[in-house]
Amino acid sequence: MEFEDWGSSSGASDSEVYVQDPNDEEHCFTSGDVPKLQFRKDISKARWNNELRMAEIVDNKGRMWTTTGIVRSSKIYCSIEETLFLAEIGALDLLDDNDTSFPLKDIFKKVAEGNSGCFWESFEVYRHLKSLGYIVGRHGIPWTMTSVKSKSDSPQGMREINGLIDKDSEGKDFIVELFNNMQINEVRPVFDVYPPNSKFKKSSPGNPSFVLCLTSGHPPSRQEIEYLEKQCNGIPLKFGHVEHGRVSFFSFNRVELPALP
């Protein structure tokens, strides 16, 4: 077993979202630090959708949207962990239906409630990975529907993908089911993690560098690991654990013991 401690821790096309801002700095903190609030001239704006339990971007600023949020029907949607992370660093102003800004403490509360497909430990893992420069998306949720239609996979994977395409035609129900129908008390894949890449495209992201799974306080069993490996189609797995605000990562190597005489 390998153990790694990484410290504490508006309109768009369905293909891509490109917004250029030479003054934008997504990573405004050093590795391992909690993100620090920045004062920015241009701040993106989003409106919280209680039905979707996601934020719909109504005014995007900066380059971060090339690697943040999913695109559906020419709109960008942010998960709660993306929303809080961007609000923490001063890159996003979250609004309610009355165009009143959400206080940061209210966004923290939404994460703590765990009703938006994310709970506090998974947010801490997300924040830590982003602080290291990784590109992070929720496991199994395509960045765009274009990436789904162009993806080749096993027959079983294709059936799952076709199901996603069918659900996309149902509009809001598609997003609600994918983001909120998540069990949080078991070892499970949570995030697809990509290395820093200035040429990253949501329409063709390729395979992630690894899939991050969260543990529920105990190491996964061999059966759980084998099941997850099969579920993730051979993509390397890493396991994350959060204790007292400290994020640790570990992985397993298969070891063959010699046969006894």
Protein backbone atom coordinates (compact mmCIF):
# COMPACT_ATOMS: atom_id res chain seq x y z
CA MET A 1 0.00 0.00 0.00
CA GLU A 2 1.23 3.49 -0.83
CA PHE A 3 0.41 6.36 1.53
CA GLU A 4 0.48 9.98 0.52
CA ASP A 5 -0.16 12.93 2.85
CA TRP A 6 -0.79 16.05 0.81
CA GLY A 7 -1.29 18.27 3.82
CA SER A 8 -4.30 19.90 5.38
CA SER A 9 -6.00 21.10 3.64
CA SER A 10 -23.79 33.65 -19.23
CA GLY A 11 -24.31 31.73 -22.39
CA ALA A 12 -21.96 29.08 -23.63
CA SER A 13 -21.85 26.35 -26.20
CA ASP A 14 -22.40 22.75 -25.18
CA SER A 15 -18.87 22.04 -26.35
CA GLU A 16 -16.69 24.55 -24.54
CA VAL A 17 -16.68 27.67 -22.44
CA TYR A 18 -13.79 29.98 -23.27
CA VAL A 19 -13.44 33.28 -21.50
CA GLN A 20 -10.08 35.00 -21.64
CA ASP A 21 -8.91 37.26 -18.83
CA PRO A 22 -5.16 37.78 -18.58
CA ASN A 23 -5.51 39.12 -15.03
CA ASP A 24 -7.38 36.12 -13.73
CA GLU A 25 -5.66 33.92 -11.15
CA GLU A 26 -7.63 30.86 -10.12
CA HIS A 27 -4.98 29.57 -7.76
CA CYS A 28 -4.25 32.46 -5.43
CA PHE A 29 -2.65 30.45 -2.63
CA THR A 30 0.26 28.15 -2.04
CA SER A 31 -0.01 24.37 -1.99
CA GLY A 32 -1.69 23.09 1.16
CA ASP A 33 -3.11 26.45 2.26
CA VAL A 34 -6.77 27.27 2.65
CA PRO A 35 -7.79 29.48 -0.30
CA LYS A 36 -7.42 33.19 0.40
CA LEU A 37 -9.99 35.77 -0.58
CA GLN A 38 -8.91 38.02 -3.45
CA PHE A 39 -10.24 41.42 -4.40
CA ARG A 40 -11.08 41.18 -8.09
CA LYS A 41 -12.19 43.74 -10.61
CA ASP A 42 -14.44 41.29 -12.44
CA ILE A 43 -16.39 38.70 -10.49
CA SER A 44 -18.59 36.00 -12.02
CA LYS A 45 -22.21 35.89 -10.93
CA ALA A 46 -24.43 32.87 -10.41
CA ARG A 47 -27.99 32.30 -9.27
CA TRP A 48 -28.79 29.47 -6.90
CA ASN A 49 -31.46 27.06 -8.13
CA ASN A 50 -33.17 25.34 -5.21
CA GLU A 51 -34.77 22.74 -7.46
CA LEU A 52 -31.50 21.71 -9.08
CA ARG A 53 -29.47 22.39 -5.93
CA MET A 54 -26.86 23.91 -8.18
CA ALA A 55 -25.75 27.36 -9.23
CA GLU A 56 -26.51 28.57 -12.76
CA ILE A 57 -23.86 30.97 -14.03
CA VAL A 58 -25.46 34.18 -15.31
CA ASP A 59 -22.28 36.19 -15.92
CA ASN A 60 -18.94 34.42 -16.38
CA LYS A 61 -15.61 36.16 -15.94
CA GLY A 62 -12.12 34.72 -16.17
CA ARG A 63 -10.50 31.57 -17.50
CA MET A 64 -11.64 29.25 -14.71
CA TRP A 65 -14.77 28.25 -16.63
CA THR A 66 -12.68 26.16 -19.01
CA THR A 67 -12.19 23.69 -16.13
CA THR A 68 -15.12 24.39 -13.81
CA GLY A 69 -18.82 23.60 -14.13
CA ILE A 70 -20.77 21.44 -16.54
CA VAL A 71 -22.40 22.71 -19.73
CA ARG A 72 -26.01 21.85 -20.55
CA SER A 73 -28.18 23.57 -23.16
CA SER A 74 -25.65 26.40 -23.52
CA LYS A 75 -25.68 27.11 -19.79
CA ILE A 76 -23.01 26.53 -17.15
CA TYR A 77 -24.00 24.87 -13.90
CA CYS A 78 -21.81 24.62 -10.80
CA SER A 79 -22.03 22.01 -8.08
CA ILE A 80 -22.13 23.19 -4.49
CA GLU A 81 -18.45 22.37 -3.94
CA GLU A 82 -17.43 24.39 -7.00
CA THR A 83 -19.69 27.23 -5.90
CA LEU A 84 -18.24 27.41 -2.39
CA PHE A 85 -14.66 27.11 -3.59
CA LEU A 86 -15.05 30.00 -6.03
CA ALA A 87 -16.92 32.09 -3.47
CA GLU A 88 -14.11 31.50 -0.95
CA ILE A 89 -11.48 32.94 -3.29
CA GLY A 90 -13.67 35.87 -4.28
CA ALA A 91 -14.24 34.69 -7.86
CA LEU A 92 -18.01 34.14 -7.65
CA ASP A 93 -20.96 36.10 -6.29
CA LEU A 94 -23.90 33.77 -5.59
CA LEU A 95 -27.35 35.34 -5.84
CA ASP A 96 -30.82 34.25 -4.79
CA ASP A 97 -34.04 34.79 -6.76
CA ASN A 98 -34.13 38.40 -5.58
CA ASP A 99 -30.58 39.06 -6.79
CA THR A 100 -29.40 39.31 -3.20
CA SER A 101 -25.92 37.95 -2.54
CA PHE A 102 -25.63 34.85 -0.38
CA PRO A 103 -23.36 35.39 2.64
CA LEU A 104 -20.45 32.99 2.60
CA LYS A 105 -21.69 31.40 5.83
CA ASP A 106 -24.95 30.43 4.09
CA ILE A 107 -23.02 28.63 1.34
CA PHE A 108 -21.04 26.79 4.01
CA LYS A 109 -24.36 25.81 5.56
CA LYS A 110 -25.58 24.33 2.27
CA VAL A 111 -22.50 22.11 2.15
CA ALA A 112 -22.87 21.12 5.79
CA GLU A 113 -26.48 20.07 5.19
CA GLY A 114 -25.31 17.52 2.61
CA ASN A 115 -28.43 17.91 0.46
CA SER A 116 -26.70 18.82 -2.80
CA GLY A 117 -24.74 15.64 -3.49
CA CYS A 118 -21.79 16.83 -1.41
CA PHE A 119 -20.91 16.76 2.26
CA TRP A 120 -18.18 18.50 4.21
CA GLU A 121 -15.42 15.90 3.86
CA SER A 122 -15.82 15.71 0.09
CA PHE A 123 -15.65 19.51 -0.12
CA GLU A 124 -12.41 19.53 1.86
CA VAL A 125 -10.95 16.98 -0.55
CA TYR A 126 -12.16 19.02 -3.54
CA ARG A 127 -10.68 22.22 -2.14
CA HIS A 128 -7.36 20.54 -1.42
CA LEU A 129 -7.06 19.07 -4.92
CA LYS A 130 -7.93 22.42 -6.49
CA SER A 131 -5.34 24.14 -4.31
CA LEU A 132 -2.75 21.82 -5.85
CA GLY A 133 -3.82 22.84 -9.35
CA TYR A 134 -5.73 19.71 -10.36
CA ILE A 135 -8.81 19.80 -12.60
CA VAL A 136 -11.62 18.15 -10.66
CA GLY A 137 -15.09 17.05 -11.71
CA ARG A 138 -17.70 14.82 -10.14
CA HIS A 139 -17.17 11.20 -11.09
CA GLY A 140 -19.32 9.94 -13.93
CA ILE A 141 -20.90 13.32 -14.76
CA PRO A 142 -19.85 14.48 -18.25
CA TRP A 143 -18.50 17.99 -18.63
CA THR A 144 -20.63 18.38 -21.76
CA MET A 145 -23.02 16.15 -23.67
CA THR A 146 -20.64 16.42 -26.63
CA SER A 147 -18.03 14.52 -24.60
CA VAL A 148 -20.61 11.79 -23.92
CA LYS A 149 -21.58 11.34 -27.55
CA SER A 150 -17.95 11.14 -28.68
CA LYS A 151 -16.84 8.73 -25.95
CA SER A 152 -16.15 5.10 -26.84
CA ASP A 153 -16.42 2.58 -24.05
CA SER A 154 -17.32 -0.98 -23.19
CA PRO A 155 -20.84 -2.21 -24.04
CA GLN A 156 -21.89 -1.76 -20.43
CA GLY A 157 -20.38 1.72 -20.35
CA MET A 158 -22.15 2.61 -23.56
CA ARG A 159 -25.50 1.59 -22.08
CA GLU A 160 -24.85 3.89 -19.14
CA ILE A 161 -23.83 6.71 -21.47
CA ASN A 162 -26.91 6.23 -23.63
CA GLY A 163 -28.94 6.50 -20.46
CA LEU A 164 -27.31 9.82 -19.71
CA ILE A 165 -28.15 11.08 -23.19
CA ASP A 166 -31.77 10.04 -22.75
CA LYS A 167 -31.94 11.81 -19.40
CA ASP A 168 -30.47 14.96 -20.88
CA SER A 169 -33.60 15.33 -22.98
CA GLU A 170 -35.61 15.40 -19.76
CA GLY A 171 -34.01 18.70 -18.79
CA LYS A 172 -33.77 19.44 -15.11
CA ASP A 173 -34.51 15.89 -13.99
CA PHE A 174 -31.25 14.77 -15.60
CA ILE A 175 -29.12 17.10 -13.49
CA VAL A 176 -31.11 16.60 -10.30
CA GLU A 177 -30.77 12.82 -10.41
CA LEU A 178 -27.05 12.78 -11.22
CA PHE A 179 -26.04 15.35 -8.63
CA ASN A 180 -28.29 14.44 -5.75
CA ASN A 181 -28.77 10.65 -5.91
CA MET A 182 -25.49 9.93 -4.13
CA GLN A 183 -24.89 7.76 -1.07
CA ILE A 184 -22.42 9.33 1.36
CA ASN A 185 -21.84 6.54 3.87
CA GLU A 186 -19.89 4.10 1.73
CA VAL A 187 -16.60 3.89 -0.13
CA ARG A 188 -17.41 5.24 -3.57
CA PRO A 189 -15.90 7.13 -6.49
CA VAL A 190 -16.42 10.85 -5.92
CA PHE A 191 -14.18 12.87 -8.22
CA ASP A 192 -12.49 12.43 -11.59
CA VAL A 193 -9.12 14.16 -11.28
CA TYR A 194 -7.04 15.50 -14.17
CA PRO A 195 -3.54 17.00 -14.00
CA PRO A 196 -3.10 20.73 -14.64
CA ASN A 197 -3.48 21.30 -18.37
CA SER A 198 -3.84 24.65 -20.10
CA LYS A 199 -5.24 22.87 -23.18
CA PHE A 200 -7.97 21.00 -21.30
CA LYS A 201 -11.26 20.82 -23.22
CA LYS A 202 -14.58 19.88 -21.70
CA SER A 203 -15.71 18.42 -25.03
CA SER A 204 -12.76 16.00 -25.10
CA PRO A 205 -11.28 15.72 -21.60
CA GLY A 206 -9.81 12.26 -22.06
CA ASN A 207 -9.41 9.84 -19.19
CA PRO A 208 -8.72 11.28 -15.74
CA SER A 209 -5.34 10.79 -14.14
CA PHE A 210 -7.11 8.99 -11.31
CA VAL A 211 -10.49 8.54 -9.68
CA LEU A 212 -10.68 9.74 -6.10
CA CYS A 213 -12.76 7.64 -3.69
CA LEU A 214 -13.68 8.68 -0.17
CA THR A 215 -13.48 6.30 2.76
CA SER A 216 -15.90 6.35 5.66
CA GLY A 217 -13.29 6.03 8.40
CA HIS A 218 -11.93 2.57 7.62
CA PRO A 219 -9.78 1.16 4.80
CA PRO A 220 -11.73 -0.43 1.96
CA SER A 221 -11.86 -4.18 1.81
CA ARG A 222 -10.29 -6.15 -1.02
CA GLN A 223 -13.75 -6.86 -2.42
CA GLU A 224 -14.61 -3.15 -2.39
CA ILE A 225 -11.37 -2.26 -4.17
CA GLU A 226 -11.90 -4.89 -6.85
CA TYR A 227 -15.47 -3.72 -7.38
CA LEU A 228 -14.37 -0.08 -7.67
CA GLU A 229 -11.58 -0.98 -10.10
CA LYS A 230 -14.09 -2.73 -12.32
CA GLN A 231 -16.55 0.15 -12.01
CA CYS A 232 -13.85 2.66 -13.03
CA ASN A 233 -12.72 0.64 -16.07
CA GLY A 234 -9.10 0.33 -14.99
CA ILE A 235 -8.49 4.01 -14.27
CA PRO A 236 -6.11 4.29 -11.28
CA LEU A 237 -7.80 4.74 -7.92
CA LYS A 238 -6.75 6.87 -4.99
CA PHE A 239 -8.54 6.95 -1.67
CA GLY A 240 -9.08 10.08 0.37
CA HIS A 241 -9.61 10.36 4.10
CA VAL A 242 -10.40 13.49 6.11
CA GLU A 243 -9.80 13.67 9.84
CA HIS A 244 -9.86 16.86 11.90
CA GLY A 245 -9.55 18.92 8.72
CA ARG A 246 -6.45 17.08 7.49
CA VAL A 247 -6.71 15.45 4.08
CA SER A 248 -4.74 12.26 3.40
CA PHE A 249 -4.56 10.18 0.23
CA PHE A 250 -3.49 6.59 -0.22
CA SER A 251 -3.52 3.90 -2.88
CA PHE A 252 -3.03 0.15 -3.06
CA ASN A 253 -0.65 -1.93 -5.13
CA ARG A 254 -1.38 -5.54 -5.90
CA VAL A 255 1.22 -7.78 -4.24
CA GLU A 256 1.63 -11.44 -5.14
CA LEU A 257 2.93 -13.53 -2.26
CA PRO A 258 5.12 -16.54 -3.07
CA ALA A 259 3.47 -19.95 -2.65
CA LEU A 260 4.38 -21.71 0.52
CA PRO A 261 6.14 -25.11 0.16
